[in-house]
Protein backbone atom coordinates (compact mmCIF):
# COMPACT_ATOMS: atom_id res chain seq x y z
CA UNK A 1 20.97 -21.83 15.52
CA UNK A 2 20.40 -18.73 17.56
CA UNK A 3 17.22 -17.01 18.63
CA UNK A 4 16.31 -13.64 17.12
CA UNK A 5 15.11 -12.34 20.46
CA UNK A 6 12.93 -9.26 20.51
CA UNK A 7 13.55 -6.70 23.19
CA UNK A 8 11.26 -3.70 23.36
CA UNK A 9 11.75 -0.32 24.92
CA UNK A 10 9.85 2.90 24.74
CA UNK A 11 11.72 5.62 22.83
CA UNK A 12 10.57 8.97 24.30
CA UNK A 13 12.54 11.01 21.74
CA UNK A 14 10.64 9.34 18.95
CA UNK A 15 7.40 9.79 20.87
CA UNK A 16 7.90 13.54 21.02
CA UNK A 17 9.10 13.74 17.43
CA UNK A 18 6.28 11.71 15.90
CA UNK A 19 3.58 12.83 18.38
CA UNK A 20 2.48 9.24 18.78
CA UNK A 21 3.72 6.42 21.00
CA UNK A 22 4.71 3.05 19.65
CA UNK A 23 7.33 0.49 20.58
CA UNK A 24 10.81 0.19 19.22
CA UNK A 25 11.50 -3.46 18.44
CA UNK A 26 15.09 -4.57 18.65
CA UNK A 27 14.87 -7.85 16.84
CA UNK A 28 18.53 -8.64 17.23
CA UNK A 29 18.79 -9.15 13.47
CA UNK A 30 22.29 -8.91 12.08
CA UNK A 31 23.45 -6.38 9.53
CA UNK A 32 22.41 -6.73 5.90
CA UNK A 33 25.60 -7.50 4.01
CA UNK A 34 25.88 -5.77 0.62
CA UNK A 35 26.89 -9.04 -1.05
CA UNK A 36 23.49 -10.46 -0.08
CA UNK A 37 22.03 -7.98 -2.52
CA UNK A 38 18.30 -8.57 -2.56
CA UNK A 39 15.77 -8.47 0.23
CA UNK A 40 14.89 -12.10 -0.49
CA UNK A 41 18.51 -13.21 -0.05
CA UNK A 42 18.82 -11.36 3.26
CA UNK A 43 15.52 -12.78 4.51
CA UNK A 44 16.42 -16.31 3.49
CA UNK A 45 19.85 -16.11 5.12
CA UNK A 46 18.60 -14.58 8.37
CA UNK A 47 15.78 -17.15 8.65
CA UNK A 48 18.33 -19.95 8.18
CA UNK A 49 20.43 -18.47 11.01
CA UNK A 50 17.53 -18.23 13.51
CA UNK A 51 15.26 -21.10 14.46
CA UNK A 52 12.53 -18.72 15.65
CA UNK A 53 12.02 -17.07 12.24
CA UNK A 54 10.02 -18.35 9.30
CA UNK A 55 10.84 -16.93 5.87
CA UNK A 56 7.65 -15.90 4.06
CA UNK A 57 9.07 -13.30 1.64
CA UNK A 58 8.47 -15.47 -1.41
CA UNK A 59 5.28 -17.14 -0.16
CA UNK A 60 2.44 -15.15 -1.63
CA UNK A 61 -0.93 -16.35 -0.37
CA UNK A 62 -4.15 -15.77 -2.25
CA UNK A 63 -6.69 -13.39 -0.75
CA UNK A 64 -9.89 -12.62 -2.60
CA UNK A 65 -8.23 -13.61 -5.89
CA UNK A 66 -4.96 -11.69 -5.44
CA UNK A 67 -1.60 -12.99 -4.27
CA UNK A 68 -0.57 -11.09 -1.12
CA UNK A 69 2.68 -11.41 0.85
CA UNK A 70 1.90 -11.94 4.56
CA UNK A 71 5.29 -10.69 5.73
CA UNK A 72 8.99 -11.20 5.11
CA UNK A 73 9.66 -13.02 8.38
CA UNK A 74 7.28 -14.49 10.92
CA UNK A 75 8.84 -14.34 14.39
CA UNK A 76 8.03 -16.90 17.10
CA UNK A 77 7.14 -14.01 19.45
CA UNK A 78 4.13 -13.12 17.25
CA UNK A 79 5.72 -10.45 15.05
CA UNK A 80 4.90 -10.14 11.36
CA UNK A 81 8.17 -8.57 10.22
CA UNK A 82 8.28 -6.53 7.01
CA UNK A 83 11.72 -5.48 5.75
CA UNK A 84 12.73 -2.88 3.17
CA UNK A 85 15.89 -1.01 2.26
CA UNK A 86 15.46 2.72 2.78
CA UNK A 87 15.99 4.17 -0.67
CA UNK A 88 13.14 6.63 -1.14
CA UNK A 89 9.82 7.51 0.47
CA UNK A 90 7.88 5.48 -2.12
CA UNK A 91 9.62 2.29 -0.91
CA UNK A 92 8.68 3.09 2.68
CA UNK A 93 5.05 3.80 1.72
CA UNK A 94 4.94 0.32 0.19
CA UNK A 95 6.42 -1.13 3.39
CA UNK A 96 3.84 0.55 5.62
CA UNK A 97 0.94 -0.43 3.33
CA UNK A 98 2.17 -4.01 3.15
CA UNK A 99 2.18 -4.42 6.94
CA UNK A 100 -1.26 -2.94 7.33
CA UNK A 101 -2.83 -4.86 4.43
CA UNK A 102 -1.61 -8.23 5.69
CA UNK A 103 -2.87 -7.49 9.22
CA UNK A 104 -6.30 -6.58 7.85
CA UNK A 105 -6.48 -9.66 5.62
CA UNK A 106 -5.44 -11.99 8.44
CA UNK A 107 -8.35 -10.60 10.44
CA UNK A 108 -11.06 -10.81 7.77
CA UNK A 109 -10.08 -13.48 5.22
CA UNK A 110 -10.37 -16.95 6.75
CA UNK A 111 -8.88 -18.68 3.68
CA UNK A 112 -5.85 -16.35 3.77
CA UNK A 113 -5.29 -17.05 7.46
CA UNK A 114 -5.73 -20.81 6.97
CA UNK A 115 -3.19 -20.82 4.13
CA UNK A 116 -0.69 -19.05 6.40
CA UNK A 117 -1.33 -21.49 9.26
CA UNK A 118 -0.98 -24.49 6.92
CA UNK A 119 2.33 -23.18 5.55
CA UNK A 120 3.68 -22.40 9.04
CA UNK A 121 2.65 -25.82 10.39
CA UNK A 122 4.70 -27.48 7.66
CA UNK A 123 7.70 -25.67 9.17
CA UNK A 124 6.89 -26.49 12.81
CA UNK A 125 3.96 -26.90 15.18
CA UNK A 126 5.20 -23.85 17.13
CA UNK A 127 5.18 -21.63 14.05
CA UNK A 128 1.71 -22.95 13.20
CA UNK A 129 0.51 -21.71 16.61
CA UNK A 130 2.15 -18.34 15.99
CA UNK A 131 0.39 -18.08 12.64
CA UNK A 132 -2.93 -19.01 14.28
CA UNK A 133 -2.58 -16.07 16.71
CA UNK A 134 -1.65 -13.61 13.96
CA UNK A 135 -1.87 -10.70 13.70
CA UNK A 136 -0.54 -9.68 17.12
CA UNK A 137 2.23 -7.28 16.10
CA UNK A 138 3.60 -5.80 12.89
CA UNK A 139 7.24 -4.76 12.75
CA UNK A 140 8.40 -2.35 10.09
CA UNK A 141 12.12 -3.08 9.71
CA UNK A 142 14.05 -0.46 7.76
CA UNK A 143 17.55 -1.16 6.46
CA UNK A 144 19.78 1.92 6.35
CA UNK A 145 22.96 2.40 4.29
CA UNK A 146 24.19 5.43 6.22
CA UNK A 147 25.55 4.84 9.73
CA UNK A 148 23.56 6.35 12.57
CA UNK A 149 20.41 6.96 10.52
CA UNK A 150 17.09 6.09 12.06
CA UNK A 151 13.35 6.65 11.90
CA UNK A 152 13.64 10.31 12.87
CA UNK A 153 15.83 10.84 9.77
CA UNK A 154 13.12 9.68 7.38
CA UNK A 155 11.46 12.18 5.03
CA UNK A 156 8.52 14.04 6.56
CA UNK A 157 5.94 12.31 4.38
CA UNK A 158 7.30 8.89 5.40
CA UNK A 159 7.05 9.79 9.09
CA UNK A 160 3.47 10.97 8.56
CA UNK A 161 2.65 7.68 6.78
CA UNK A 162 4.34 5.64 9.50
CA UNK A 163 2.37 7.42 12.20
CA UNK A 164 -0.88 6.95 10.26
CA UNK A 165 -0.35 3.24 9.62
CA UNK A 166 0.68 2.72 13.25
CA UNK A 167 -2.61 4.27 14.36
CA UNK A 168 -4.55 2.10 11.92
CA UNK A 169 -2.85 -1.04 13.24
CA UNK A 170 -3.60 0.01 16.80
CA UNK A 171 -7.29 0.38 15.93
CA UNK A 172 -7.13 -3.25 14.73
CA UNK A 173 -5.62 -4.15 18.14
CA UNK A 174 -2.35 -5.01 16.42
CA UNK A 175 0.81 -3.63 18.02
CA UNK A 176 2.92 -1.57 15.58
CA UNK A 177 6.69 -1.70 16.06
CA UNK A 178 9.71 -0.35 14.21
CA UNK A 179 13.21 -1.82 13.90
CA UNK A 180 16.33 -0.80 12.03
CA UNK A 181 19.14 -2.80 10.50
CA UNK A 182 22.39 -1.56 9.04
CA UNK A 183 23.56 -2.28 5.50
CA UNK A 184 27.29 -2.99 5.56
């Protein structure tokens, strides 16, 4: 198995464009193959290929009576990774809300956090420790069909939402990051 290393770099063009500074996370995730179809299939396959990722896409944990997805992939470097195909702005709004809501719940709902830690510990002691430290960082990973598309190509409302949710995460002392993957 390989490591899905995360390398970060500041993207000044995005900084100027979005009027807010956050980190670009290059999670070294491979392309999303069309034959994988669903988000769950991609997440399951990528987690099986990397020993530093835990697949949580289908693990909904109860918080205050509701089942809430913590993230799609938990990365050993403390990233709660949320992944969506870019299809329309509504999908991206859901992505941004999902990342923020799970970060908030991990900070305020002890039972929610304990359930995550228990699940992660069943995978490995290391992932249990990662879950215990959560939330440290939230990565919004957007899968693009068109070559060369990126965050600056998103609809205006999506960029406004991204900037707003990034600020909210920062106020929680959670580092917001963005990554892109290509659909091939």
